[in-house]
């Protein structure tokens, strides 16, 4: 069995940071929008929480909610993806983010990171989803090896994101910046992580020291 090292632990933490730090409300939505075994009622509840809708006034809207629920329980992944993409284009505006969120998840799971990045980016104009969308897009870019692109997104995101997302942004930005060869930025973000209770100060000091030595040549 491969021995675990401090580096293994911190990189694993960085990789999973955005998932564990998702705002509780958004996490509740993500947990409810599962493609397998979900009831249409769960979709209705998740979408209602997300959009702030307290009542469905039109039968047309209720029909659309049921339609979205039916799509999300399709076993055929390809068919589900195609129908979700169609729903994103033609479904009620208030329900489109839920469909877009599920699309992003499908593409991430399938390793289709270009499509995943585009799906996350499409969620960014929604004020409630801006930070989560940016983290998701950056994560997709990191997985495809576009570290500089991830740095650009995360750096912009950091300016407006709340404190609840600060750890996730710093962790992912430090990792992406280091991979992109942007040592000064990586150092700054690793130092920012030290201000939080990460439990990995020794390793963070090691990373900072190594990066500083590299920049000083």
N, C-alpha and C. Protein backbone atom coordinates (compact mmCIF):
# COMPACT_ATOMS: atom_id res chain seq x y z
N UNK A 1 0.84 -1.19 0.00
CA UNK A 1 0.00 0.00 0.00
C UNK A 1 0.88 1.25 0.00
N UNK A 2 0.52 2.23 -0.83
CA UNK A 2 1.30 3.46 -0.92
C UNK A 2 1.15 4.28 0.37
N UNK A 3 2.28 4.70 0.92
CA UNK A 3 2.24 5.50 2.14
C UNK A 3 1.70 6.88 1.86
N UNK A 4 0.89 7.38 2.78
CA UNK A 4 0.35 8.72 2.65
C UNK A 4 1.40 9.72 3.12
N UNK A 5 1.50 10.82 2.43
CA UNK A 5 2.44 11.88 2.78
C UNK A 5 1.66 13.15 3.03
N UNK A 6 2.29 14.14 3.73
CA UNK A 6 1.62 15.43 3.91
C UNK A 6 1.21 16.04 2.58
N UNK A 7 2.05 15.87 1.54
CA UNK A 7 1.72 16.44 0.23
C UNK A 7 0.47 15.79 -0.34
N UNK A 8 0.38 14.47 -0.19
CA UNK A 8 -0.80 13.75 -0.65
C UNK A 8 -2.05 14.30 0.03
N UNK A 9 -1.95 14.54 1.33
CA UNK A 9 -3.11 15.01 2.10
C UNK A 9 -3.54 16.40 1.67
N UNK A 10 -2.59 17.31 1.51
CA UNK A 10 -2.97 18.68 1.18
C UNK A 10 -3.50 18.77 -0.24
N UNK A 11 -2.91 18.02 -1.17
CA UNK A 11 -3.41 18.05 -2.54
C UNK A 11 -4.81 17.45 -2.62
N UNK A 12 -5.05 16.41 -1.82
CA UNK A 12 -6.39 15.82 -1.78
C UNK A 12 -7.37 16.83 -1.20
N UNK A 13 -6.94 17.54 -0.18
CA UNK A 13 -7.78 18.57 0.44
C UNK A 13 -8.11 19.66 -0.57
N UNK A 14 -7.09 20.11 -1.29
CA UNK A 14 -7.30 21.16 -2.30
C UNK A 14 -8.27 20.68 -3.37
N UNK A 15 -8.11 19.45 -3.82
CA UNK A 15 -8.98 18.92 -4.87
C UNK A 15 -10.44 18.88 -4.42
N UNK A 16 -10.66 18.57 -3.14
CA UNK A 16 -12.03 18.39 -2.65
C UNK A 16 -12.60 19.64 -1.98
N UNK A 17 -11.78 20.69 -1.86
CA UNK A 17 -12.17 21.85 -1.06
C UNK A 17 -13.47 22.48 -1.51
N UNK A 18 -13.63 22.68 -2.83
CA UNK A 18 -14.82 23.38 -3.29
C UNK A 18 -16.09 22.57 -3.05
N UNK A 19 -15.95 21.24 -3.06
CA UNK A 19 -17.14 20.42 -2.81
C UNK A 19 -17.57 20.53 -1.35
N UNK A 20 -16.60 20.49 -0.44
CA UNK A 20 -16.94 20.49 0.98
C UNK A 20 -17.31 21.88 1.49
N UNK A 21 -16.90 22.92 0.76
CA UNK A 21 -17.17 24.28 1.21
C UNK A 21 -18.36 24.92 0.52
N UNK A 22 -19.08 24.15 -0.26
CA UNK A 22 -20.26 24.70 -0.93
C UNK A 22 -21.24 25.22 0.12
N UNK A 23 -21.78 26.37 -0.18
CA UNK A 23 -22.78 26.97 0.72
C UNK A 23 -23.86 25.93 1.05
N UNK A 24 -24.26 25.82 2.31
CA UNK A 24 -25.23 24.80 2.71
C UNK A 24 -26.50 24.78 1.86
N UNK A 25 -27.00 25.94 1.48
CA UNK A 25 -28.21 25.98 0.66
C UNK A 25 -27.97 25.35 -0.69
N UNK A 26 -26.84 25.71 -1.32
CA UNK A 26 -26.54 25.16 -2.63
C UNK A 26 -26.23 23.66 -2.53
N UNK A 27 -25.58 23.26 -1.44
CA UNK A 27 -25.29 21.85 -1.25
C UNK A 27 -26.59 21.05 -1.12
N UNK A 28 -27.57 21.65 -0.44
CA UNK A 28 -28.86 20.99 -0.30
C UNK A 28 -29.50 20.75 -1.67
N UNK A 29 -29.36 21.75 -2.55
CA UNK A 29 -29.91 21.61 -3.89
C UNK A 29 -29.18 20.51 -4.64
N UNK A 30 -27.83 20.55 -4.57
CA UNK A 30 -27.05 19.53 -5.26
C UNK A 30 -27.40 18.14 -4.75
N UNK A 31 -27.56 18.01 -3.46
CA UNK A 31 -27.89 16.71 -2.88
C UNK A 31 -29.26 16.22 -3.33
N UNK A 32 -30.16 17.17 -3.58
CA UNK A 32 -31.51 16.79 -4.00
C UNK A 32 -31.60 16.49 -5.49
N UNK A 33 -30.71 17.09 -6.27
CA UNK A 33 -30.78 16.88 -7.72
C UNK A 33 -29.89 15.70 -8.08
N UNK A 34 -30.33 14.52 -7.73
CA UNK A 34 -29.63 13.30 -8.07
C UNK A 34 -30.39 12.60 -9.19
N UNK A 35 -29.68 12.05 -10.16
CA UNK A 35 -30.36 11.46 -11.31
C UNK A 35 -30.99 10.11 -11.04
N UNK A 36 -30.57 9.44 -9.97
CA UNK A 36 -31.04 8.08 -9.74
C UNK A 36 -31.99 8.04 -8.54
N UNK A 37 -33.18 7.56 -8.76
CA UNK A 37 -34.11 7.33 -7.67
C UNK A 37 -34.74 8.57 -7.09
N UNK A 38 -34.66 9.70 -7.76
CA UNK A 38 -35.24 10.93 -7.20
C UNK A 38 -36.72 11.03 -7.56
N UNK A 39 -37.49 11.51 -6.63
CA UNK A 39 -38.91 11.74 -6.90
C UNK A 39 -39.09 13.12 -7.49
N UNK A 40 -40.11 13.26 -8.32
CA UNK A 40 -40.40 14.56 -8.91
C UNK A 40 -40.63 15.58 -7.80
N UNK A 41 -41.21 15.16 -6.70
CA UNK A 41 -41.44 16.07 -5.58
C UNK A 41 -40.15 16.64 -5.04
N UNK A 42 -39.07 15.85 -5.09
CA UNK A 42 -37.77 16.34 -4.64
C UNK A 42 -37.25 17.43 -5.54
N UNK A 43 -37.47 17.28 -6.84
CA UNK A 43 -37.08 18.31 -7.80
C UNK A 43 -37.84 19.59 -7.51
N UNK A 44 -39.14 19.45 -7.29
CA UNK A 44 -39.96 20.62 -7.01
C UNK A 44 -39.45 21.35 -5.78
N UNK A 45 -39.14 20.58 -4.73
CA UNK A 45 -38.67 21.18 -3.49
C UNK A 45 -37.32 21.87 -3.69
N UNK A 46 -36.41 21.21 -4.39
CA UNK A 46 -35.08 21.78 -4.60
C UNK A 46 -35.16 23.06 -5.42
N UNK A 47 -35.92 23.01 -6.48
CA UNK A 47 -36.06 24.19 -7.34
C UNK A 47 -36.76 25.32 -6.59
N UNK A 48 -37.74 24.98 -5.78
CA UNK A 48 -38.46 26.01 -5.02
C UNK A 48 -37.52 26.71 -4.05
N UNK A 49 -36.68 25.94 -3.36
CA UNK A 49 -35.72 26.53 -2.43
C UNK A 49 -34.76 27.44 -3.19
N UNK A 50 -34.29 26.94 -4.33
CA UNK A 50 -33.29 27.69 -5.09
C UNK A 50 -33.85 28.99 -5.65
N UNK A 51 -35.01 28.92 -6.27
CA UNK A 51 -35.54 30.08 -6.97
C UNK A 51 -36.32 31.02 -6.05
N UNK A 52 -36.64 30.55 -4.85
CA UNK A 52 -37.43 31.38 -3.96
C UNK A 52 -38.91 31.31 -4.27
N UNK A 53 -39.29 30.39 -5.10
CA UNK A 53 -40.70 30.25 -5.45
C UNK A 53 -41.44 29.58 -4.30
N UNK A 54 -42.53 30.16 -3.88
CA UNK A 54 -43.32 29.57 -2.80
C UNK A 54 -44.60 28.94 -3.29
N UNK A 55 -45.00 29.26 -4.49
CA UNK A 55 -46.19 28.63 -5.07
C UNK A 55 -46.05 28.60 -6.57
N UNK A 56 -46.63 27.62 -7.18
CA UNK A 56 -46.61 27.49 -8.63
C UNK A 56 -47.99 27.90 -9.14
N UNK A 57 -48.05 29.08 -9.73
CA UNK A 57 -49.34 29.67 -10.05
C UNK A 57 -49.94 29.14 -11.34
N UNK A 58 -49.12 28.69 -12.24
CA UNK A 58 -49.67 28.26 -13.52
C UNK A 58 -49.49 26.76 -13.72
N UNK A 59 -50.45 26.16 -14.36
CA UNK A 59 -50.37 24.74 -14.66
C UNK A 59 -49.21 24.47 -15.61
N UNK A 60 -48.90 25.46 -16.44
CA UNK A 60 -47.79 25.33 -17.38
C UNK A 60 -46.47 25.17 -16.62
N UNK A 61 -46.31 25.93 -15.55
CA UNK A 61 -45.09 25.85 -14.75
C UNK A 61 -45.01 24.50 -14.04
N UNK A 62 -46.12 24.06 -13.49
CA UNK A 62 -46.15 22.76 -12.82
C UNK A 62 -45.79 21.65 -13.79
N UNK A 63 -46.27 21.78 -15.03
CA UNK A 63 -45.97 20.79 -16.05
C UNK A 63 -44.47 20.77 -16.35
N UNK A 64 -43.86 21.95 -16.39
CA UNK A 64 -42.43 22.04 -16.67
C UNK A 64 -41.61 21.41 -15.54
N UNK A 65 -42.04 21.62 -14.29
CA UNK A 65 -41.34 21.02 -13.16
C UNK A 65 -41.40 19.50 -13.25
N UNK A 66 -42.56 18.99 -13.58
CA UNK A 66 -42.71 17.54 -13.73
C UNK A 66 -41.86 17.02 -14.88
N UNK A 67 -41.80 17.80 -15.96
CA UNK A 67 -40.98 17.41 -17.10
C UNK A 67 -39.50 17.34 -16.72
N UNK A 68 -39.04 18.33 -15.97
CA UNK A 68 -37.65 18.34 -15.54
C UNK A 68 -37.37 17.14 -14.62
N UNK A 69 -38.29 16.85 -13.73
CA UNK A 69 -38.13 15.70 -12.85
C UNK A 69 -38.03 14.41 -13.63
N UNK A 70 -38.85 14.27 -14.67
CA UNK A 70 -38.83 13.06 -15.49
C UNK A 70 -37.50 12.93 -16.23
N UNK A 71 -36.96 14.04 -16.68
CA UNK A 71 -35.67 14.01 -17.38
C UNK A 71 -34.57 13.53 -16.45
N UNK A 72 -34.58 14.01 -15.22
CA UNK A 72 -33.49 13.72 -14.30
C UNK A 72 -33.48 12.29 -13.79
N UNK A 73 -34.53 11.55 -14.00
CA UNK A 73 -34.53 10.14 -13.58
C UNK A 73 -34.30 9.20 -14.75
N UNK A 74 -34.00 9.74 -15.93
CA UNK A 74 -33.72 8.88 -17.08
C UNK A 74 -32.44 8.08 -16.84
N UNK A 75 -32.49 6.78 -17.11
CA UNK A 75 -31.31 5.94 -16.94
C UNK A 75 -30.29 6.17 -18.03
N UNK A 76 -30.76 6.48 -19.24
CA UNK A 76 -29.87 6.70 -20.38
C UNK A 76 -29.17 8.05 -20.22
N UNK A 77 -27.88 8.01 -19.94
CA UNK A 77 -27.12 9.24 -19.67
C UNK A 77 -27.12 10.17 -20.88
N UNK A 78 -26.98 9.60 -22.07
CA UNK A 78 -26.95 10.42 -23.28
C UNK A 78 -28.29 11.11 -23.49
N UNK A 79 -29.36 10.35 -23.33
CA UNK A 79 -30.70 10.92 -23.51
C UNK A 79 -30.96 11.99 -22.46
N UNK A 80 -30.53 11.74 -21.22
CA UNK A 80 -30.75 12.72 -20.16
C UNK A 80 -30.01 14.02 -20.48
N UNK A 81 -28.76 13.87 -20.95
CA UNK A 81 -27.95 15.05 -21.29
C UNK A 81 -28.59 15.85 -22.42
N UNK A 82 -29.04 15.15 -23.45
CA UNK A 82 -29.65 15.84 -24.60
C UNK A 82 -30.92 16.55 -24.20
N UNK A 83 -31.76 15.91 -23.40
CA UNK A 83 -33.02 16.52 -22.98
C UNK A 83 -32.79 17.70 -22.03
N UNK A 84 -31.76 17.59 -21.20
CA UNK A 84 -31.43 18.70 -20.31
C UNK A 84 -30.97 19.91 -21.11
N UNK A 85 -30.16 19.66 -22.15
CA UNK A 85 -29.69 20.76 -22.99
C UNK A 85 -30.86 21.44 -23.69
N UNK A 86 -31.83 20.64 -24.10
CA UNK A 86 -33.02 21.20 -24.72
C UNK A 86 -33.84 22.01 -23.72
N UNK A 87 -33.94 21.49 -22.48
CA UNK A 87 -34.70 22.17 -21.44
C UNK A 87 -34.05 23.51 -21.09
N UNK A 88 -32.72 23.53 -21.07
CA UNK A 88 -32.00 24.76 -20.77
C UNK A 88 -32.33 25.85 -21.78
N UNK A 89 -32.60 25.44 -23.01
CA UNK A 89 -32.92 26.40 -24.05
C UNK A 89 -34.38 26.82 -24.06
N UNK A 90 -35.28 25.91 -23.71
CA UNK A 90 -36.70 26.19 -23.91
C UNK A 90 -37.55 26.15 -22.64
N UNK A 91 -36.99 25.65 -21.53
CA UNK A 91 -37.78 25.55 -20.30
C UNK A 91 -37.98 26.91 -19.65
N UNK A 92 -38.86 26.98 -18.65
CA UNK A 92 -39.09 28.24 -17.92
C UNK A 92 -37.77 28.76 -17.34
N UNK A 93 -37.58 30.05 -17.40
CA UNK A 93 -36.31 30.65 -16.98
C UNK A 93 -35.94 30.29 -15.55
N UNK A 94 -36.92 30.24 -14.65
CA UNK A 94 -36.65 29.96 -13.26
C UNK A 94 -36.19 28.53 -13.00
N UNK A 95 -36.44 27.62 -13.94
CA UNK A 95 -36.05 26.22 -13.77
C UNK A 95 -34.77 25.86 -14.50
N UNK A 96 -34.33 26.73 -15.38
CA UNK A 96 -33.14 26.43 -16.19
C UNK A 96 -31.88 26.20 -15.36
N UNK A 97 -31.64 26.97 -14.28
CA UNK A 97 -30.42 26.71 -13.50
C UNK A 97 -30.33 25.30 -12.95
N UNK A 98 -31.45 24.73 -12.53
CA UNK A 98 -31.43 23.37 -12.01
C UNK A 98 -30.99 22.38 -13.09
N UNK A 99 -31.50 22.59 -14.31
CA UNK A 99 -31.12 21.73 -15.43
C UNK A 99 -29.65 21.94 -15.79
N UNK A 100 -29.21 23.19 -15.76
CA UNK A 100 -27.82 23.50 -16.09
C UNK A 100 -26.86 22.91 -15.06
N UNK A 101 -27.25 22.94 -13.80
CA UNK A 101 -26.44 22.38 -12.73
C UNK A 101 -26.26 20.88 -12.91
N UNK A 102 -27.33 20.20 -13.27
CA UNK A 102 -27.25 18.76 -13.50
C UNK A 102 -26.40 18.45 -14.73
N UNK A 103 -26.49 19.30 -15.75
CA UNK A 103 -25.64 19.11 -16.93
C UNK A 103 -24.17 19.21 -16.57
N UNK A 104 -23.84 20.22 -15.77
CA UNK A 104 -22.45 20.40 -15.35
C UNK A 104 -21.95 19.17 -14.62
N UNK A 105 -22.79 18.62 -13.73
CA UNK A 105 -22.40 17.43 -12.98
C UNK A 105 -22.17 16.24 -13.91
N UNK A 106 -23.06 16.07 -14.88
CA UNK A 106 -22.93 14.95 -15.82
C UNK A 106 -21.62 15.05 -16.60
N UNK A 107 -21.32 16.23 -17.11
CA UNK A 107 -20.11 16.41 -17.90
C UNK A 107 -18.85 16.23 -17.06
N UNK A 108 -18.89 16.70 -15.81
CA UNK A 108 -17.73 16.52 -14.92
C UNK A 108 -17.50 15.04 -14.67
N UNK A 109 -18.56 14.31 -14.37
CA UNK A 109 -18.44 12.88 -14.09
C UNK A 109 -17.94 12.11 -15.30
N UNK A 110 -18.31 12.60 -16.51
CA UNK A 110 -17.92 11.91 -17.74
C UNK A 110 -16.53 12.31 -18.22
N UNK A 111 -15.91 13.27 -17.54
CA UNK A 111 -14.59 13.72 -17.95
C UNK A 111 -14.61 14.61 -19.18
N UNK A 112 -15.77 15.15 -19.51
CA UNK A 112 -15.89 16.06 -20.66
C UNK A 112 -15.74 17.49 -20.14
N UNK A 113 -14.51 17.87 -19.88
CA UNK A 113 -14.25 19.09 -19.12
C UNK A 113 -14.51 20.37 -19.90
N UNK A 114 -14.36 20.34 -21.22
CA UNK A 114 -14.73 21.52 -22.01
C UNK A 114 -16.22 21.81 -21.88
N UNK A 115 -17.02 20.76 -22.01
CA UNK A 115 -18.47 20.92 -21.88
C UNK A 115 -18.86 21.29 -20.46
N UNK A 116 -18.16 20.69 -19.50
CA UNK A 116 -18.45 21.00 -18.09
C UNK A 116 -18.16 22.46 -17.80
N UNK A 117 -17.02 22.95 -18.28
CA UNK A 117 -16.65 24.35 -18.06
C UNK A 117 -17.70 25.28 -18.66
N UNK A 118 -18.17 24.94 -19.85
CA UNK A 118 -19.19 25.76 -20.50
C UNK A 118 -20.50 25.74 -19.72
N UNK A 119 -20.85 24.56 -19.17
CA UNK A 119 -22.08 24.44 -18.40
C UNK A 119 -22.01 25.26 -17.12
N UNK A 120 -20.86 25.20 -16.44
CA UNK A 120 -20.69 26.02 -15.23
C UNK A 120 -20.73 27.50 -15.57
N UNK A 121 -20.06 27.87 -16.65
CA UNK A 121 -20.00 29.28 -17.05
C UNK A 121 -21.38 29.84 -17.34
N UNK A 122 -22.24 29.00 -17.90
CA UNK A 122 -23.60 29.44 -18.23
C UNK A 122 -24.40 29.77 -16.97
N UNK A 123 -23.98 29.24 -15.82
CA UNK A 123 -24.68 29.51 -14.56
C UNK A 123 -24.23 30.82 -13.91
N UNK A 124 -23.08 31.33 -14.34
CA UNK A 124 -22.48 32.49 -13.68
C UNK A 124 -23.35 33.75 -13.66
N UNK A 125 -24.14 34.04 -14.72
CA UNK A 125 -24.96 35.26 -14.68
C UNK A 125 -26.00 35.27 -13.57
N UNK A 126 -26.33 34.09 -13.05
CA UNK A 126 -27.30 34.02 -11.96
C UNK A 126 -26.60 34.42 -10.67
N UNK A 127 -27.05 35.48 -10.04
CA UNK A 127 -26.37 36.03 -8.86
C UNK A 127 -26.21 35.00 -7.74
N UNK A 128 -27.21 34.15 -7.55
CA UNK A 128 -27.15 33.15 -6.48
C UNK A 128 -26.13 32.05 -6.76
N UNK A 129 -25.74 31.91 -8.03
CA UNK A 129 -24.88 30.81 -8.42
C UNK A 129 -23.49 31.26 -8.86
N UNK A 130 -23.21 32.56 -8.81
CA UNK A 130 -21.98 33.09 -9.40
C UNK A 130 -20.72 32.43 -8.83
N UNK A 131 -20.63 32.36 -7.50
CA UNK A 131 -19.41 31.81 -6.89
C UNK A 131 -19.28 30.32 -7.15
N UNK A 132 -20.36 29.59 -6.96
CA UNK A 132 -20.34 28.16 -7.21
C UNK A 132 -20.00 27.87 -8.67
N UNK A 133 -20.58 28.66 -9.58
CA UNK A 133 -20.32 28.47 -11.01
C UNK A 133 -18.85 28.71 -11.33
N UNK A 134 -18.28 29.76 -10.73
CA UNK A 134 -16.87 30.05 -10.97
C UNK A 134 -15.96 28.96 -10.45
N UNK A 135 -16.25 28.46 -9.26
CA UNK A 135 -15.47 27.35 -8.70
C UNK A 135 -15.59 26.11 -9.58
N UNK A 136 -16.80 25.84 -10.04
CA UNK A 136 -17.01 24.68 -10.89
C UNK A 136 -16.26 24.80 -12.21
N UNK A 137 -16.34 25.98 -12.83
CA UNK A 137 -15.64 26.19 -14.10
C UNK A 137 -14.13 26.05 -13.90
N UNK A 138 -13.62 26.64 -12.82
CA UNK A 138 -12.18 26.55 -12.55
C UNK A 138 -11.76 25.10 -12.33
N UNK A 139 -12.58 24.35 -11.61
CA UNK A 139 -12.25 22.95 -11.35
C UNK A 139 -12.20 22.16 -12.66
N UNK A 140 -13.14 22.43 -13.57
CA UNK A 140 -13.15 21.75 -14.86
C UNK A 140 -11.88 22.09 -15.65
N UNK A 141 -11.47 23.36 -15.61
CA UNK A 141 -10.25 23.77 -16.32
C UNK A 141 -9.01 23.14 -15.72
N UNK A 142 -8.96 23.03 -14.39
CA UNK A 142 -7.82 22.37 -13.74
C UNK A 142 -7.75 20.91 -14.19
N UNK A 143 -8.87 20.24 -14.24
CA UNK A 143 -8.89 18.84 -14.63
C UNK A 143 -8.45 18.64 -16.08
N UNK A 144 -8.69 19.63 -16.94
CA UNK A 144 -8.26 19.51 -18.33
C UNK A 144 -6.84 20.04 -18.54
N UNK A 145 -6.23 20.58 -17.45
CA UNK A 145 -4.86 21.05 -17.52
C UNK A 145 -4.69 22.51 -17.90
N UNK A 146 -5.79 23.25 -17.96
CA UNK A 146 -5.72 24.68 -18.27
C UNK A 146 -5.60 25.46 -16.96
N UNK A 147 -4.41 25.40 -16.38
CA UNK A 147 -4.20 26.02 -15.07
C UNK A 147 -4.26 27.55 -15.13
N UNK A 148 -3.74 28.13 -16.19
CA UNK A 148 -3.77 29.59 -16.33
C UNK A 148 -5.20 30.09 -16.44
N UNK A 149 -6.03 29.35 -17.16
CA UNK A 149 -7.44 29.72 -17.28
C UNK A 149 -8.13 29.67 -15.93
N UNK A 150 -7.81 28.64 -15.14
CA UNK A 150 -8.40 28.52 -13.81
C UNK A 150 -7.95 29.67 -12.91
N UNK A 151 -6.69 30.07 -13.03
CA UNK A 151 -6.17 31.20 -12.24
C UNK A 151 -6.95 32.47 -12.55
N UNK A 152 -7.20 32.71 -13.82
CA UNK A 152 -7.93 33.91 -14.23
C UNK A 152 -9.32 33.95 -13.61
N UNK A 153 -10.02 32.82 -13.66
CA UNK A 153 -11.38 32.75 -13.12
C UNK A 153 -11.37 32.92 -11.60
N UNK A 154 -10.49 32.21 -10.93
CA UNK A 154 -10.46 32.24 -9.47
C UNK A 154 -10.01 33.60 -8.93
N UNK A 155 -9.08 34.24 -9.63
CA UNK A 155 -8.62 35.56 -9.20
C UNK A 155 -9.74 36.57 -9.27
N UNK A 156 -10.54 36.50 -10.34
CA UNK A 156 -11.68 37.40 -10.47
C UNK A 156 -12.75 37.08 -9.43
N UNK A 157 -12.92 35.80 -9.18
CA UNK A 157 -13.94 35.35 -8.23
C UNK A 157 -13.63 35.82 -6.81
N UNK A 158 -12.36 35.82 -6.48
CA UNK A 158 -11.93 36.15 -5.12
C UNK A 158 -12.32 37.57 -4.73
N UNK A 159 -12.39 38.48 -5.69
CA UNK A 159 -12.67 39.88 -5.41
C UNK A 159 -14.06 40.09 -4.83
N UNK A 160 -15.02 39.27 -5.24
CA UNK A 160 -16.40 39.49 -4.84
C UNK A 160 -16.98 38.41 -3.94
N UNK A 161 -16.27 37.30 -3.79
CA UNK A 161 -16.84 36.17 -3.03
C UNK A 161 -16.83 36.46 -1.54
N UNK A 162 -17.78 35.89 -0.84
CA UNK A 162 -17.87 36.06 0.60
C UNK A 162 -16.86 35.20 1.34
N UNK A 163 -16.77 35.42 2.64
CA UNK A 163 -15.80 34.72 3.48
C UNK A 163 -16.03 33.22 3.49
N UNK A 164 -17.28 32.81 3.33
CA UNK A 164 -17.59 31.37 3.38
C UNK A 164 -16.92 30.59 2.26
N UNK A 165 -16.57 31.28 1.17
CA UNK A 165 -15.91 30.60 0.06
C UNK A 165 -14.42 30.88 0.01
N UNK A 166 -13.90 31.69 0.93
CA UNK A 166 -12.51 32.13 0.86
C UNK A 166 -11.53 30.96 0.87
N UNK A 167 -11.79 29.97 1.73
CA UNK A 167 -10.89 28.83 1.82
C UNK A 167 -10.85 28.02 0.54
N UNK A 168 -12.02 27.77 -0.04
CA UNK A 168 -12.09 27.00 -1.28
C UNK A 168 -11.38 27.73 -2.40
N UNK A 169 -11.57 29.04 -2.49
CA UNK A 169 -10.95 29.82 -3.56
C UNK A 169 -9.43 29.85 -3.38
N UNK A 170 -8.97 30.11 -2.16
CA UNK A 170 -7.52 30.16 -1.92
C UNK A 170 -6.85 28.82 -2.20
N UNK A 171 -7.47 27.74 -1.77
CA UNK A 171 -6.89 26.41 -1.99
C UNK A 171 -6.76 26.10 -3.46
N UNK A 172 -7.83 26.34 -4.20
CA UNK A 172 -7.81 26.04 -5.63
C UNK A 172 -6.92 27.01 -6.40
N UNK A 173 -6.91 28.28 -5.97
CA UNK A 173 -6.07 29.27 -6.64
C UNK A 173 -4.59 29.00 -6.40
N UNK A 174 -4.24 28.62 -5.18
CA UNK A 174 -2.84 28.29 -4.88
C UNK A 174 -2.37 27.14 -5.74
N UNK A 175 -3.18 26.11 -5.82
CA UNK A 175 -2.84 24.91 -6.59
C UNK A 175 -2.71 25.25 -8.07
N UNK A 176 -3.69 25.97 -8.63
CA UNK A 176 -3.69 26.31 -10.05
C UNK A 176 -2.52 27.25 -10.38
N UNK A 177 -2.27 28.23 -9.51
CA UNK A 177 -1.18 29.18 -9.75
C UNK A 177 0.17 28.48 -9.76
N UNK A 178 0.36 27.56 -8.83
CA UNK A 178 1.63 26.82 -8.79
C UNK A 178 1.81 26.02 -10.06
N UNK A 179 0.76 25.34 -10.48
CA UNK A 179 0.82 24.54 -11.70
C UNK A 179 1.04 25.40 -12.93
N UNK A 180 0.52 26.64 -12.89
CA UNK A 180 0.65 27.55 -14.02
C UNK A 180 1.98 28.29 -14.02
N UNK A 181 2.82 28.05 -13.00
CA UNK A 181 4.11 28.70 -12.93
C UNK A 181 4.05 30.11 -12.38
N UNK A 182 2.94 30.46 -11.74
CA UNK A 182 2.78 31.80 -11.15
C UNK A 182 3.11 31.72 -9.66
N UNK A 183 4.42 31.65 -9.38
CA UNK A 183 4.88 31.36 -8.03
C UNK A 183 4.48 32.41 -7.00
N UNK A 184 4.58 33.68 -7.36
CA UNK A 184 4.25 34.73 -6.39
C UNK A 184 2.80 34.64 -5.94
N UNK A 185 1.92 34.39 -6.88
CA UNK A 185 0.49 34.26 -6.54
C UNK A 185 0.26 33.01 -5.71
N UNK A 186 0.91 31.93 -6.07
CA UNK A 186 0.76 30.68 -5.32
C UNK A 186 1.22 30.88 -3.87
N UNK A 187 2.34 31.57 -3.70
CA UNK A 187 2.85 31.85 -2.35
C UNK A 187 1.83 32.64 -1.55
N UNK A 188 1.28 33.67 -2.16
CA UNK A 188 0.31 34.52 -1.47
C UNK A 188 -0.91 33.72 -1.02
N UNK A 189 -1.37 32.80 -1.88
CA UNK A 189 -2.56 32.02 -1.54
C UNK A 189 -2.25 30.93 -0.52
N UNK A 190 -1.06 30.33 -0.60
CA UNK A 190 -0.68 29.36 0.43
C UNK A 190 -0.56 30.06 1.78
N UNK A 191 -0.05 31.28 1.77
CA UNK A 191 0.03 32.05 3.01
C UNK A 191 -1.36 32.41 3.54
N UNK A 192 -2.28 32.68 2.62
CA UNK A 192 -3.66 32.96 3.02
C UNK A 192 -4.28 31.73 3.69
N UNK A 193 -3.93 30.55 3.18
CA UNK A 193 -4.46 29.32 3.78
C UNK A 193 -3.95 29.12 5.20
N UNK A 194 -2.75 29.62 5.47
CA UNK A 194 -2.18 29.48 6.82
C UNK A 194 -2.97 30.28 7.86
N UNK A 195 -3.70 31.29 7.42
CA UNK A 195 -4.48 32.09 8.36
C UNK A 195 -5.75 31.37 8.78
N UNK A 196 -6.03 30.28 8.12
CA UNK A 196 -7.21 29.49 8.46
C UNK A 196 -6.74 28.23 9.19
N UNK A 197 -7.63 27.59 9.87
CA UNK A 197 -7.27 26.39 10.63
C UNK A 197 -7.24 25.19 9.69
N UNK A 198 -6.19 25.07 8.93
CA UNK A 198 -6.10 23.99 7.95
C UNK A 198 -5.50 22.71 8.53
N UNK A 199 -4.69 22.84 9.60
CA UNK A 199 -4.04 21.66 10.16
C UNK A 199 -2.88 21.18 9.32
N UNK A 200 -2.48 21.98 8.32
CA UNK A 200 -1.40 21.58 7.43
C UNK A 200 -0.31 22.64 7.36
N UNK A 201 -0.11 23.36 8.47
CA UNK A 201 0.84 24.48 8.46
C UNK A 201 2.25 24.04 8.07
N UNK A 202 2.68 22.89 8.55
CA UNK A 202 4.04 22.43 8.26
C UNK A 202 4.22 22.24 6.76
N UNK A 203 3.25 21.64 6.14
CA UNK A 203 3.37 21.42 4.70
C UNK A 203 3.25 22.72 3.93
N UNK A 204 2.34 23.60 4.38
CA UNK A 204 2.19 24.90 3.72
C UNK A 204 3.49 25.69 3.81
N UNK A 205 4.17 25.62 4.97
CA UNK A 205 5.46 26.27 5.11
C UNK A 205 6.48 25.68 4.13
N UNK A 206 6.42 24.38 3.96
CA UNK A 206 7.31 23.71 3.02
C UNK A 206 7.05 24.20 1.59
N UNK A 207 5.78 24.28 1.21
CA UNK A 207 5.42 24.73 -0.14
C UNK A 207 5.86 26.17 -0.36
N UNK A 208 5.60 27.02 0.63
CA UNK A 208 5.97 28.42 0.53
C UNK A 208 7.48 28.56 0.39
N UNK A 209 8.22 27.83 1.24
CA UNK A 209 9.67 27.89 1.20
C UNK A 209 10.22 27.41 -0.14
N UNK A 210 9.65 26.34 -0.66
CA UNK A 210 10.10 25.79 -1.94
C UNK A 210 9.85 26.77 -3.07
N UNK A 211 8.67 27.39 -3.06
CA UNK A 211 8.34 28.36 -4.11
C UNK A 211 9.22 29.62 -4.02
N UNK A 212 9.47 30.07 -2.79
CA UNK A 212 10.32 31.26 -2.61
C UNK A 212 11.74 30.97 -3.09
N UNK A 213 12.22 29.78 -2.80
CA UNK A 213 13.56 29.41 -3.26
C UNK A 213 13.64 29.40 -4.78
N UNK A 214 12.57 28.95 -5.40
CA UNK A 214 12.52 28.90 -6.86
C UNK A 214 12.53 30.31 -7.46
N UNK A 215 11.76 31.22 -6.86
CA UNK A 215 11.69 32.58 -7.40
C UNK A 215 12.99 33.35 -7.18
N UNK A 216 13.72 32.97 -6.14
CA UNK A 216 14.98 33.67 -5.85
C UNK A 216 16.16 33.05 -6.59
N UNK A 217 15.85 31.97 -7.29
CA UNK A 217 16.77 31.36 -8.21
C UNK A 217 17.97 30.69 -7.78
